Amino acid sequence: MNVSNFRGLYGYAKADTPIYIIDPESVPVHDSRIKHIEEPATTGMQTFLKMLKERE
């Protein structure tokens, strides 16, 4: 399932905004702001929430 093509969207984020991609497939990204969670959405969202809580 392809929810949204991030390539067009992340360019609108501020330079200091972290960006998270949840996708079990390999995603070629070359931007230090992007964190790739290589999991399906069912477990990737749990991982993402845990990462957010650790940032607090």
PDB file of N, CA and C in Angstrom:
ATOM      1  N   MET A   1       0.847  -1.178   0.000  1.00  0.00           N
ATOM      2  CA  MET A   1       0.000   0.000   0.000  1.00  0.00           C
ATOM      3  C   MET A   1       0.891   1.239   0.000  1.00  0.00           C
ATOM      4  N   ASN A   2       0.702   2.109  -0.939  1.00  0.00           N
ATOM      5  CA  ASN A   2       1.453   3.353  -1.029  1.00  0.00           C
ATOM      6  C   ASN A   2       0.543   4.477  -0.550  1.00  0.00           C
ATOM      7  N   VAL A   3       0.823   4.980   0.641  1.00  0.00           N
ATOM      8  CA  VAL A   3      -0.043   6.001   1.227  1.00  0.00           C
ATOM      9  C   VAL A   3       0.259   7.375   0.652  1.00  0.00           C
ATOM     10  N   SER A   4       1.522   7.731   0.619  1.00  0.00           N
ATOM     11  CA  SER A   4       1.891   9.046   0.111  1.00  0.00           C
ATOM     12  C   SER A   4       3.319   9.008  -0.394  1.00  0.00           C
ATOM     13  N   ASN A   5       3.567   9.711  -1.445  1.00  0.00           N
ATOM     14  CA  ASN A   5       4.919   9.801  -1.961  1.00  0.00           C
ATOM     15  C   ASN A   5       5.642  10.906  -1.214  1.00  0.00           C
ATOM     16  N   PHE A   6       6.536  10.534  -0.326  1.00  0.00           N
ATOM     17  CA  PHE A   6       7.200  11.509   0.531  1.00  0.00           C
ATOM     18  C   PHE A   6       8.133  12.427  -0.239  1.00  0.00           C
ATOM     19  N   ARG A   7       8.602  12.019  -1.385  1.00  0.00           N
ATOM     20  CA  ARG A   7       9.605  12.807  -2.108  1.00  0.00           C
ATOM     21  C   ARG A   7       9.150  14.234  -2.391  1.00  0.00           C
ATOM     22  N   GLY A   8       7.880  14.403  -2.674  1.00  0.00           N
ATOM     23  CA  GLY A   8       7.378  15.738  -2.952  1.00  0.00           C
ATOM     24  C   GLY A   8       7.040  16.526  -1.706  1.00  0.00           C
ATOM     25  N   LEU A   9       6.811  15.848  -0.600  1.00  0.00           N
ATOM     26  CA  LEU A   9       6.345  16.524   0.604  1.00  0.00           C
ATOM     27  C   LEU A   9       7.459  16.990   1.531  1.00  0.00           C
ATOM     28  N   TYR A  10       8.510  16.215   1.676  1.00  0.00           N
ATOM     29  CA  TYR A  10       9.487  16.562   2.703  1.00  0.00           C
ATOM     30  C   TYR A  10      10.266  17.829   2.356  1.00  0.00           C
ATOM     31  N   GLY A  11      10.260  18.239   1.118  1.00  0.00           N
ATOM     32  CA  GLY A  11      10.918  19.480   0.741  1.00  0.00           C
ATOM     33  C   GLY A  11      10.267  20.712   1.353  1.00  0.00           C
ATOM     34  N   TYR A  12       9.035  20.586   1.817  1.00  0.00           N
ATOM     35  CA  TYR A  12       8.327  21.705   2.429  1.00  0.00           C
ATOM     36  C   TYR A  12       8.613  21.839   3.925  1.00  0.00           C
ATOM     37  N   ALA A  13       9.245  20.848   4.521  1.00  0.00           N
ATOM     38  CA  ALA A  13       9.528  20.888   5.957  1.00  0.00           C
ATOM     39  C   ALA A  13      10.714  21.820   6.225  1.00  0.00           C
ATOM     40  N   LYS A  14      10.714  22.432   7.394  1.00  0.00           N
ATOM     41  CA  LYS A  14      11.828  23.287   7.790  1.00  0.00           C
ATOM     42  C   LYS A  14      13.099  22.450   7.865  1.00  0.00           C
ATOM     43  N   ALA A  15      14.219  23.092   7.706  1.00  0.00           N
ATOM     44  CA  ALA A  15      15.507  22.396   7.656  1.00  0.00           C
ATOM     45  C   ALA A  15      15.834  21.626   8.940  1.00  0.00           C
ATOM     46  N   ASP A  16      15.301  22.066  10.072  1.00  0.00           N
ATOM     47  CA  ASP A  16      15.606  21.390  11.337  1.00  0.00           C
ATOM     48  C   ASP A  16      14.505  20.420  11.782  1.00  0.00           C
ATOM     49  N   THR A  17      13.567  20.130  10.902  1.00  0.00           N
ATOM     50  CA  THR A  17      12.465  19.226  11.221  1.00  0.00           C
ATOM     51  C   THR A  17      12.844  17.784  10.915  1.00  0.00           C
ATOM     52  N   PRO A  18      12.784  16.899  11.930  1.00  0.00           N
ATOM     53  CA  PRO A  18      13.065  15.493  11.645  1.00  0.00           C
ATOM     54  C   PRO A  18      11.926  14.874  10.833  1.00  0.00           C
ATOM     55  N   ILE A  19      12.275  13.974   9.959  1.00  0.00           N
ATOM     56  CA  ILE A  19      11.293  13.332   9.088  1.00  0.00           C
ATOM     57  C   ILE A  19      11.422  11.823   9.267  1.00  0.00           C
ATOM     58  N   TYR A  20      10.297  11.156   9.419  1.00  0.00           N
ATOM     59  CA  TYR A  20      10.276   9.715   9.616  1.00  0.00           C
ATOM     60  C   TYR A  20       9.534   9.051   8.469  1.00  0.00           C
ATOM     61  N   ILE A  21      10.135   7.990   7.946  1.00  0.00           N
ATOM     62  CA  ILE A  21       9.496   7.189   6.911  1.00  0.00           C
ATOM     63  C   ILE A  21       9.312   5.794   7.479  1.00  0.00           C
ATOM     64  N   ILE A  22       8.100   5.286   7.415  1.00  0.00           N
ATOM     65  CA  ILE A  22       7.824   3.920   7.855  1.00  0.00           C
ATOM     66  C   ILE A  22       7.508   3.117   6.610  1.00  0.00           C
ATOM     67  N   ASP A  23       8.416   2.225   6.259  1.00  0.00           N
ATOM     68  CA  ASP A  23       8.268   1.437   5.034  1.00  0.00           C
ATOM     69  C   ASP A  23       9.199   0.238   5.126  1.00  0.00           C
ATOM     70  N   PRO A  24       8.682  -0.969   4.954  1.00  0.00           N
ATOM     71  CA  PRO A  24       9.546  -2.151   5.049  1.00  0.00           C
ATOM     72  C   PRO A  24      10.505  -2.292   3.861  1.00  0.00           C
ATOM     73  N   GLU A  25      10.207  -1.575   2.792  1.00  0.00           N
ATOM     74  CA  GLU A  25      11.059  -1.648   1.597  1.00  0.00           C
ATOM     75  C   GLU A  25      12.227  -0.667   1.712  1.00  0.00           C
ATOM     76  N   SER A  26      13.257  -0.928   0.962  1.00  0.00           N
ATOM     77  CA  SER A  26      14.396  -0.030   0.912  1.00  0.00           C
ATOM     78  C   SER A  26      13.964   1.287   0.280  1.00  0.00           C
ATOM     79  N   VAL A  27      14.328   2.384   0.926  1.00  0.00           N
ATOM     80  CA  VAL A  27      13.975   3.708   0.424  1.00  0.00           C
ATOM     81  C   VAL A  27      15.273   4.496   0.256  1.00  0.00           C
ATOM     82  N   PRO A  28      15.617   4.848  -0.968  1.00  0.00           N
ATOM     83  CA  PRO A  28      16.865   5.597  -1.177  1.00  0.00           C
ATOM     84  C   PRO A  28      16.715   7.058  -0.747  1.00  0.00           C
ATOM     85  N   VAL A  29      17.216   7.366   0.435  1.00  0.00           N
ATOM     86  CA  VAL A  29      17.161   8.733   0.929  1.00  0.00           C
ATOM     87  C   VAL A  29      18.579   9.207   1.232  1.00  0.00           C
ATOM     88  N   HIS A  30      18.824  10.450   0.938  1.00  0.00           N
ATOM     89  CA  HIS A  30      20.141  11.027   1.162  1.00  0.00           C
ATOM     90  C   HIS A  30      20.000  12.358   1.878  1.00  0.00           C
ATOM     91  N   ASP A  31      19.306  12.319   2.989  1.00  0.00           N
ATOM     92  CA  ASP A  31      19.043  13.513   3.777  1.00  0.00           C
ATOM     93  C   ASP A  31      19.169  13.114   5.242  1.00  0.00           C
ATOM     94  N   SER A  32      20.047  13.776   5.971  1.00  0.00           N
ATOM     95  CA  SER A  32      20.311  13.403   7.361  1.00  0.00           C
ATOM     96  C   SER A  32      19.107  13.604   8.275  1.00  0.00           C
ATOM     97  N   ARG A  33      18.107  14.376   7.843  1.00  0.00           N
ATOM     98  CA  ARG A  33      16.903  14.583   8.670  1.00  0.00           C
ATOM     99  C   ARG A  33      16.002  13.365   8.673  1.00  0.00           C
ATOM    100  N   ILE A  34      16.159  12.506   7.679  1.00  0.00           N
ATOM    101  CA  ILE A  34      15.216  11.410   7.479  1.00  0.00           C
ATOM    102  C   ILE A  34      15.640  10.170   8.251  1.00  0.00           C
ATOM    103  N   LYS A  35      14.720   9.670   9.049  1.00  0.00           N
ATOM    104  CA  LYS A  35      14.898   8.409   9.775  1.00  0.00           C
ATOM    105  C   LYS A  35      13.987   7.389   9.117  1.00  0.00           C
ATOM    106  N   HIS A  36      14.577   6.315   8.635  1.00  0.00           N
ATOM    107  CA  HIS A  36      13.801   5.274   7.954  1.00  0.00           C
ATOM    108  C   HIS A  36      13.550   4.127   8.921  1.00  0.00           C
ATOM    109  N   ILE A  37      12.305   3.883   9.224  1.00  0.00           N
ATOM    110  CA  ILE A  37      11.902   2.754  10.062  1.00  0.00           C
ATOM    111  C   ILE A  37      11.502   1.644   9.099  1.00  0.00           C
ATOM    112  N   GLU A  38      12.356   0.640   8.975  1.00  0.00           N
ATOM    113  CA  GLU A  38      12.140  -0.423   7.992  1.00  0.00           C
ATOM    114  C   GLU A  38      11.263  -1.525   8.572  1.00  0.00           C
ATOM    115  N   GLU A  39       9.999  -1.187   8.744  1.00  0.00           N
ATOM    116  CA  GLU A  39       9.018  -2.117   9.296  1.00  0.00           C
ATOM    117  C   GLU A  39       7.683  -1.855   8.605  1.00  0.00           C
ATOM    118  N   PRO A  40       6.786  -2.846   8.645  1.00  0.00           N
ATOM    119  CA  PRO A  40       5.432  -2.572   8.156  1.00  0.00           C
ATOM    120  C   PRO A  40       4.755  -1.576   9.100  1.00  0.00           C
ATOM    121  N   ALA A  41       3.717  -0.931   8.628  1.00  0.00           N
ATOM    122  CA  ALA A  41       3.055   0.113   9.414  1.00  0.00           C
ATOM    123  C   ALA A  41       2.552  -0.387  10.762  1.00  0.00           C
ATOM    124  N   THR A  42       2.128  -1.631  10.837  1.00  0.00           N
ATOM    125  CA  THR A  42       1.572  -2.142  12.092  1.00  0.00           C
ATOM    126  C   THR A  42       2.589  -2.086  13.220  1.00  0.00           C
ATOM    127  N   THR A  43       3.821  -2.456  12.977  1.00  0.00           N
ATOM    128  CA  THR A  43       4.852  -2.391  14.013  1.00  0.00           C
ATOM    129  C   THR A  43       5.648  -1.098  13.920  1.00  0.00           C
ATOM    130  N   GLY A  44       5.750  -0.532  12.739  1.00  0.00           N
ATOM    131  CA  GLY A  44       6.511   0.696  12.544  1.00  0.00           C
ATOM    132  C   GLY A  44       5.939   1.868  13.312  1.00  0.00           C
ATOM    133  N   MET A  45       4.636   1.957  13.412  1.00  0.00           N
ATOM    134  CA  MET A  45       4.019   3.036  14.179  1.00  0.00           C
ATOM    135  C   MET A  45       4.335   2.904  15.663  1.00  0.00           C
ATOM    136  N   GLN A  46       4.396   1.683  16.165  1.00  0.00           N
ATOM    137  CA  GLN A  46       4.766   1.474  17.568  1.00  0.00           C
ATOM    138  C   GLN A  46       6.211   1.911  17.800  1.00  0.00           C
ATOM    139  N   THR A  47       7.081   1.560  16.872  1.00  0.00           N
ATOM    140  CA  THR A  47       8.484   1.974  16.957  1.00  0.00           C
ATOM    141  C   THR A  47       8.591   3.490  16.900  1.00  0.00           C
ATOM    142  N   PHE A  48       7.840   4.105  15.991  1.00  0.00           N
ATOM    143  CA  PHE A  48       7.845   5.555  15.845  1.00  0.00           C
ATOM    144  C   PHE A  48       7.399   6.238  17.136  1.00  0.00           C
ATOM    145  N   LEU A  49       6.319   5.769  17.742  1.00  0.00           N
ATOM    146  CA  LEU A  49       5.830   6.357  18.992  1.00  0.00           C
ATOM    147  C   LEU A  49       6.857   6.225  20.103  1.00  0.00           C
ATOM    148  N   LYS A  50       7.532   5.078  20.162  1.00  0.00           N
ATOM    149  CA  LYS A  50       8.578   4.865  21.155  1.00  0.00           C
ATOM    150  C   LYS A  50       9.724   5.859  20.929  1.00  0.00           C
ATOM    151  N   MET A  51      10.091   6.086  19.683  1.00  0.00           N
ATOM    152  CA  MET A  51      11.152   7.048  19.364  1.00  0.00           C
ATOM    153  C   MET A  51      10.751   8.463  19.784  1.00  0.00           C
ATOM    154  N   LEU A  52       9.503   8.836  19.568  1.00  0.00           N
ATOM    155  CA  LEU A  52       9.023  10.161  19.970  1.00  0.00           C
ATOM    156  C   LEU A  52       9.060  10.327  21.480  1.00  0.00           C
ATOM    157  N   LYS A  53       8.651   9.298  22.203  1.00  0.00           N
ATOM    158  CA  LYS A  53       8.654   9.368  23.668  1.00  0.00           C
ATOM    159  C   LYS A  53      10.070   9.500  24.200  1.00  0.00           C
ATOM    160  N   GLU A  54      11.023   8.879  23.540  1.00  0.00           N
ATOM    161  CA  GLU A  54      12.425   8.964  23.975  1.00  0.00           C
ATOM    162  C   GLU A  54      13.002  10.359  23.745  1.00  0.00           C
ATOM    163  N   ARG A  55      12.433  11.099  22.822  1.00  0.00           N
ATOM    164  CA  ARG A  55      12.899  12.464  22.532  1.00  0.00           C
ATOM    165  C   ARG A  55      12.432  13.467  23.582  1.00  0.00           C
ATOM    166  N   GLU A  56      11.419  13.127  24.344  1.00  0.00           N
ATOM    167  CA  GLU A  56      10.859  14.064  25.342  1.00  0.00           C
ATOM    168  C   GLU A  56      11.820  14.287  26.475  1.00  0.00           C
TER     169      GLU A  56
END
